[in-house]
Structures are given as C-alpha cells and as structure tokens.
Amino acid sequence: SVHEILEKAGISIFEVDGYEADDLIGTLADQAQISKLKSQSQNSKIKTKDIEVIIVSGDRDMLQLVNGGVKVLAPIIGITKMILFDSEKVKEKYGINPSQIIDYKALVGDASDGYPGVPGIGPKTADNLLNEYETLENLYQNLEAVKQKNPNLAVKLAQGAEAAGLAKKLATIVTDAPINLDLEKCSVKNYNKEALRKQFEELGFKSLIKRLEETKASKVSEVSRGDEGKKKDENSGQLGLL
C-alpha cells in the first residue's frame, strides 16, 4: 500500500478524517511558518530561520498558499519540466497576488475542480477587476461603480454572484485543520532500503527498483528543477515539506 511504501521510505504521513489533502497541506505549511517565530528546544536539529516549504502539486489552488516562505513546485510535463512558483512568479503568470487566486478562480471558474465561475468572465477581465477591487467581496460591494463603467459586465457579475461565492468557498484551502506539525518527524531520515526494495518487487515496480539501487540509504538525492534554481546546501538545515 501507499502507507507501507512511505513508511519504509522514511516519509511522514499526515491524515485526518473529514479533511482533504489540500487542507492538511495548507495547515502544515502555515504551522511551519508560525514555528519560525517560536524558539526551538536545545535538542532540535532544525533551524527555524532556514525553513522553506515547497509544495509539489499540479493543483493551481495551492498557489493561494504561496508567500515569502512557501512556494509551489508545479509539474508542467511530468517531472521533466516543472515551474517553481513564488509570489513574483504567480504575479507574472496570472497578473495577481497569491492571495487573490481564490478570487480569480471564483470569477473565471475551473472545470477540472468543478467551479463554474461567472459566465462571460475570462482571465483578462478577472485580472483587471481584481487589480482594481482586490477581492471578490469588494468587487460586489462596488457593483454599482462597475455598472457605470460597463453595464453589460455588471449584469454578468450580478447574475453569477451566487456561483462566484460558492466557487470561492470551495477553492479556499483550510489552514486550521486539527493536526500538529512536528518538524523533527518531517526531517529526512535514513530509509530501510532492503524493505523498500522488497516492497517494490512485490508490486512489480521494476523501474523504481533500478532507481533505488542507484541511491544510497544514507543520502538524499538532489531533485533537479531545471532552470528554476538550485537548492541550498543540504547541510544548511533547510526543511522542505512536500
């Protein structure tokens, strides 16, 4: 099972009944940032000032979590081409700040997640509206001002108000799920190579067995990110939450 593989690989598992993975990721990412403000015990091997959270996901909803200490590594073509989103990259790609991603989704929708959005509102219009009004709520509070500038647009927004509100609610990631982040448990540990190899053999993961044989249990291989930048030296104390 996935659980068995992760346990043998020394990778921490987090799960809570009633909460989606997005919510747990959002909560853990938030707690990692809060932990920077707290002093660590003398026995801790984690330097809080060096914590960097990198979320590996193709779900663009995750971009709402991006801030100074949180980035999203999004696959474009498998794992051969990926984009590392920081706040500037989100702004460059979508024309808005990370915190506005949920407002953007509410307006333009997302077919893959089942968000209908507001009919007739495309990416460019959504960008313009959010750059002027910042949030969905403020936009609808100023619907009369929109009407004076563009009556047809105001009608579309009014007719799609309920759908937009629901979409924003669905797109918003929870950051207060009942789960606690233990930095020590999240640090990369040596894994049981033989047990992991046996598990792969039972599951018929031949390609993974080959890759496993090329690694050393005492080290963590560097993950290539193409032109998106290189990680700090592995001895810097930096922690990645994936």
Protein backbone atom coordinates (compact mmCIF):
# COMPACT_ATOMS: atom_id res chain seq x y z
CA SER A 1 0.00 0.00 0.00
CA VAL A 2 0.99 3.64 -0.27
CA HIS A 3 1.26 3.85 3.51
CA GLU A 4 3.70 0.95 3.67
CA ILE A 5 5.89 2.40 0.95
CA LEU A 6 6.03 5.83 2.58
CA GLU A 7 6.82 4.36 5.99
CA LYS A 8 9.66 2.27 4.58
CA ALA A 9 10.94 5.33 2.72
CA GLY A 10 11.03 7.33 5.95
CA ILE A 11 8.44 9.83 4.74
CA SER A 12 5.96 11.25 7.26
CA ILE A 13 2.24 10.68 6.70
CA PHE A 14 -0.50 13.10 7.72
CA GLU A 15 -4.21 12.35 7.51
CA VAL A 16 -7.36 13.47 9.31
CA ASP A 17 -10.88 12.14 8.74
CA GLY A 18 -13.14 14.69 7.11
CA TYR A 19 -10.35 16.85 5.68
CA GLU A 20 -8.96 16.88 2.18
CA ALA A 21 -5.25 16.72 1.45
CA ASP A 22 -5.32 20.39 0.38
CA ASP A 23 -6.47 21.43 3.85
CA LEU A 24 -3.78 19.41 5.60
CA ILE A 25 -1.09 20.80 3.32
CA GLY A 26 -2.34 24.32 3.94
CA THR A 27 -2.37 23.78 7.70
CA LEU A 28 1.11 22.24 7.80
CA ALA A 29 2.53 24.99 5.61
CA ASP A 30 1.00 27.61 7.89
CA GLN A 31 2.30 25.93 11.03
CA ALA A 32 5.79 25.73 9.55
CA GLN A 33 5.75 29.49 9.14
CA ILE A 34 4.44 30.05 12.65
CA SER A 35 7.19 27.80 14.01
CA LYS A 36 9.76 30.29 12.76
CA LEU A 37 8.56 32.65 15.44
CA LYS A 38 8.92 30.11 18.22
CA SER A 39 12.18 29.16 19.85
CA GLN A 40 13.21 25.55 19.38
CA SER A 41 14.44 23.26 22.15
CA GLN A 42 18.19 22.81 22.57
CA ASN A 43 17.89 19.27 21.23
CA SER A 44 16.29 20.38 17.98
CA LYS A 45 18.32 19.85 14.81
CA ILE A 46 16.05 22.09 12.78
CA LYS A 47 16.99 25.73 12.35
CA THR A 48 13.67 27.55 12.16
CA LYS A 49 15.11 30.50 10.26
CA ASP A 50 16.02 28.17 7.39
CA ILE A 51 12.60 26.55 6.97
CA GLU A 52 11.33 26.70 3.42
CA VAL A 53 8.09 24.99 2.49
CA ILE A 54 7.87 23.64 -1.05
CA ILE A 55 4.54 22.12 -2.07
CA VAL A 56 4.80 19.77 -5.04
CA SER A 57 1.43 19.83 -6.79
CA GLY A 58 -0.20 20.48 -10.13
CA ASP A 59 -3.30 21.83 -8.40
CA ARG A 60 -3.32 25.57 -9.02
CA ASP A 61 -5.49 26.08 -5.93
CA MET A 62 -2.25 25.58 -4.00
CA LEU A 63 -0.93 28.88 -5.32
CA GLN A 64 -3.06 30.72 -2.75
CA LEU A 65 -0.64 29.41 -0.10
CA VAL A 66 2.42 30.99 -1.69
CA ASN A 67 4.20 33.64 0.38
CA GLY A 68 7.72 34.56 1.44
CA GLY A 69 8.35 31.14 2.96
CA VAL A 70 6.05 28.94 0.89
CA LYS A 71 6.50 28.02 -2.78
CA VAL A 72 4.72 25.62 -5.12
CA LEU A 73 6.62 23.33 -7.48
CA ALA A 74 4.16 22.56 -10.27
CA PRO A 75 4.72 19.87 -12.92
CA ILE A 76 4.17 21.02 -16.50
CA ILE A 77 5.29 17.89 -18.35
CA GLY A 78 5.51 15.01 -15.87
CA ILE A 79 8.55 15.67 -13.68
CA THR A 80 10.80 16.61 -16.59
CA LYS A 81 9.53 20.17 -16.74
CA MET A 82 8.39 21.99 -13.63
CA ILE A 83 7.80 25.58 -12.56
CA LEU A 84 8.67 26.87 -9.10
CA PHE A 85 6.06 29.44 -8.12
CA ASP A 86 6.99 32.15 -5.66
CA SER A 87 4.94 35.32 -5.26
CA GLU A 88 6.64 37.02 -8.21
CA LYS A 89 6.09 34.01 -10.48
CA VAL A 90 2.39 33.88 -9.58
CA LYS A 91 2.11 37.59 -10.38
CA GLU A 92 3.95 37.08 -13.67
CA LYS A 93 1.78 34.12 -14.70
CA TYR A 94 -1.65 35.28 -13.55
CA GLY A 95 -1.29 39.04 -13.08
CA ILE A 96 -2.48 38.84 -9.46
CA ASN A 97 -1.09 38.13 -5.99
CA PRO A 98 -1.23 34.60 -4.49
CA SER A 99 -3.90 35.65 -2.00
CA GLN A 100 -6.17 36.58 -4.93
CA ILE A 101 -6.05 33.15 -6.57
CA ILE A 102 -9.32 32.11 -4.91
CA ASP A 103 -11.00 35.32 -6.11
CA TYR A 104 -9.65 34.65 -9.60
CA LYS A 105 -10.98 31.09 -9.53
CA ALA A 106 -14.35 32.38 -8.34
CA LEU A 107 -14.62 34.64 -11.39
CA VAL A 108 -13.16 32.53 -14.21
CA GLY A 109 -14.01 29.11 -12.79
CA ASP A 110 -12.05 25.88 -13.07
CA ALA A 111 -13.55 22.99 -15.00
CA SER A 112 -11.11 20.47 -13.50
CA ASP A 113 -12.33 21.29 -9.99
CA GLY A 114 -15.96 21.81 -10.96
CA TYR A 115 -16.00 25.58 -10.36
CA PRO A 116 -18.36 27.18 -12.92
CA GLY A 117 -17.24 30.75 -12.32
CA VAL A 118 -19.13 33.72 -13.74
CA PRO A 119 -20.29 33.12 -17.33
CA GLY A 120 -18.69 35.61 -19.71
CA ILE A 121 -15.78 36.49 -17.40
CA GLY A 122 -12.40 35.49 -18.79
CA PRO A 123 -8.86 35.67 -17.36
CA LYS A 124 -8.10 39.18 -18.63
CA THR A 125 -11.34 40.64 -17.28
CA ALA A 126 -10.82 38.88 -13.95
CA ASP A 127 -7.28 40.28 -13.71
CA ASN A 128 -8.50 43.80 -14.39
CA LEU A 129 -11.29 43.54 -11.84
CA LEU A 130 -9.06 42.12 -9.11
CA ASN A 131 -6.31 44.65 -9.74
CA GLU A 132 -8.90 47.37 -9.20
CA TYR A 133 -11.08 45.87 -6.46
CA GLU A 134 -8.63 43.33 -4.93
CA THR A 135 -11.19 40.83 -3.62
CA LEU A 136 -14.44 39.24 -4.76
CA GLU A 137 -16.29 40.73 -1.80
CA ASN A 138 -15.06 44.25 -2.51
CA LEU A 139 -15.91 43.83 -6.18
CA TYR A 140 -19.53 43.02 -5.39
CA GLN A 141 -19.72 45.84 -2.87
CA ASN A 142 -18.78 48.17 -5.72
CA LEU A 143 -21.03 46.63 -8.36
CA GLU A 144 -22.73 49.98 -8.93
CA ALA A 145 -19.38 51.52 -9.86
CA VAL A 146 -18.78 48.67 -12.29
CA LYS A 147 -22.24 49.26 -13.76
CA GLN A 148 -21.42 52.89 -14.50
CA LYS A 149 -18.28 51.86 -16.40
CA ASN A 150 -19.59 48.70 -18.07
CA PRO A 151 -23.31 47.89 -17.72
CA ASN A 152 -23.05 44.54 -19.51
CA LEU A 153 -20.22 43.38 -17.25
CA ALA A 154 -22.19 44.39 -14.17
CA VAL A 155 -25.13 42.29 -15.36
CA LYS A 156 -22.88 39.24 -15.81
CA LEU A 157 -21.45 39.70 -12.33
CA ALA A 158 -24.87 40.13 -10.76
CA GLN A 159 -26.24 37.02 -12.44
CA GLY A 160 -23.20 34.98 -11.44
CA ALA A 161 -22.93 36.23 -7.86
CA GLU A 162 -24.13 33.03 -6.21
CA ALA A 163 -21.89 30.81 -8.33
CA ALA A 164 -18.89 33.05 -7.68
CA GLY A 165 -19.44 32.98 -3.92
CA LEU A 166 -19.74 29.19 -3.89
CA ALA A 167 -16.66 28.79 -6.06
CA LYS A 168 -14.57 30.94 -3.73
CA LYS A 169 -15.73 28.94 -0.74
CA LEU A 170 -14.83 25.66 -2.44
CA ALA A 171 -11.45 26.95 -3.63
CA THR A 172 -10.38 28.28 -0.24
CA ILE A 173 -7.89 26.00 1.48
CA VAL A 174 -8.28 25.50 5.23
CA THR A 175 -5.22 26.35 7.33
CA ASP A 176 -6.53 25.36 10.75
CA ALA A 177 -7.19 21.63 10.42
CA PRO A 178 -6.81 19.63 13.69
CA ILE A 179 -3.28 18.43 13.03
CA ASN A 180 0.10 19.27 14.52
CA LEU A 181 3.37 19.70 12.68
CA ASP A 182 6.41 18.01 14.22
CA LEU A 183 9.49 19.40 12.48
CA GLU A 184 11.73 16.60 13.70
CA LYS A 185 9.44 13.92 12.24
CA CYS A 186 9.34 15.78 8.93
CA SER A 187 13.11 15.88 8.55
CA VAL A 188 14.56 13.49 6.00
CA LYS A 189 15.63 10.23 7.60
CA ASN A 190 17.55 7.16 6.51
CA TYR A 191 15.21 4.65 4.96
CA ASN A 192 15.06 0.86 5.03
CA LYS A 193 16.46 0.19 1.58
CA GLU A 194 16.05 -3.59 1.64
CA ALA A 195 12.48 -3.44 2.93
CA LEU A 196 11.63 -0.83 0.33
CA ARG A 197 13.20 -2.88 -2.47
CA LYS A 198 11.21 -5.95 -1.40
CA GLN A 199 8.01 -3.89 -1.41
CA PHE A 200 8.76 -2.65 -4.92
CA GLU A 201 9.41 -6.23 -6.09
CA GLU A 202 6.05 -7.39 -4.71
CA LEU A 203 4.32 -4.54 -6.53
CA GLY A 204 6.26 -5.02 -9.76
CA PHE A 205 7.84 -1.56 -9.69
CA LYS A 206 10.86 -2.53 -11.79
CA SER A 207 11.87 0.99 -12.78
CA LEU A 208 11.77 2.14 -9.15
CA ILE A 209 13.91 -0.82 -8.10
CA LYS A 210 16.54 0.27 -10.60
CA ARG A 211 16.46 3.83 -9.32
CA LEU A 212 16.61 2.60 -5.74
CA GLU A 213 19.77 0.63 -6.44
CA GLU A 214 21.41 3.80 -7.72
CA THR A 215 20.88 5.60 -4.43
CA LYS A 216 22.48 5.34 -1.02
CA ALA A 217 20.28 4.99 2.02
CA SER A 218 22.36 7.49 3.98
CA LYS A 219 21.92 10.32 1.49
CA VAL A 220 19.13 12.24 -0.15
CA SER A 221 19.44 12.78 -3.89
CA GLU A 222 19.15 16.32 -5.14
CA VAL A 223 15.96 16.96 -7.09
CA SER A 224 16.53 18.68 -10.40
CA ARG A 225 14.33 21.67 -11.08
CA GLY A 226 15.69 22.58 -14.49
CA ASP A 227 16.25 26.32 -14.78
CA GLU A 228 14.11 27.20 -11.78
CA GLY A 229 17.05 27.33 -9.39
CA LYS A 230 19.11 25.13 -7.15
CA LYS A 231 18.55 24.18 -3.55
CA LYS A 232 20.80 25.35 -0.77
CA ASP A 233 23.49 23.06 0.50
CA GLU A 234 21.89 20.07 2.26
CA ASN A 235 23.74 20.95 5.46
CA SER A 236 22.08 24.36 5.73
CA GLY A 237 19.27 22.99 7.91
CA GLN A 238 16.65 23.84 5.32
CA LEU A 239 13.48 21.80 5.54
CA GLY A 240 11.18 21.03 2.65
CA LEU A 241 7.60 19.98 3.33
CA LEU A 242 6.23 18.18 0.28
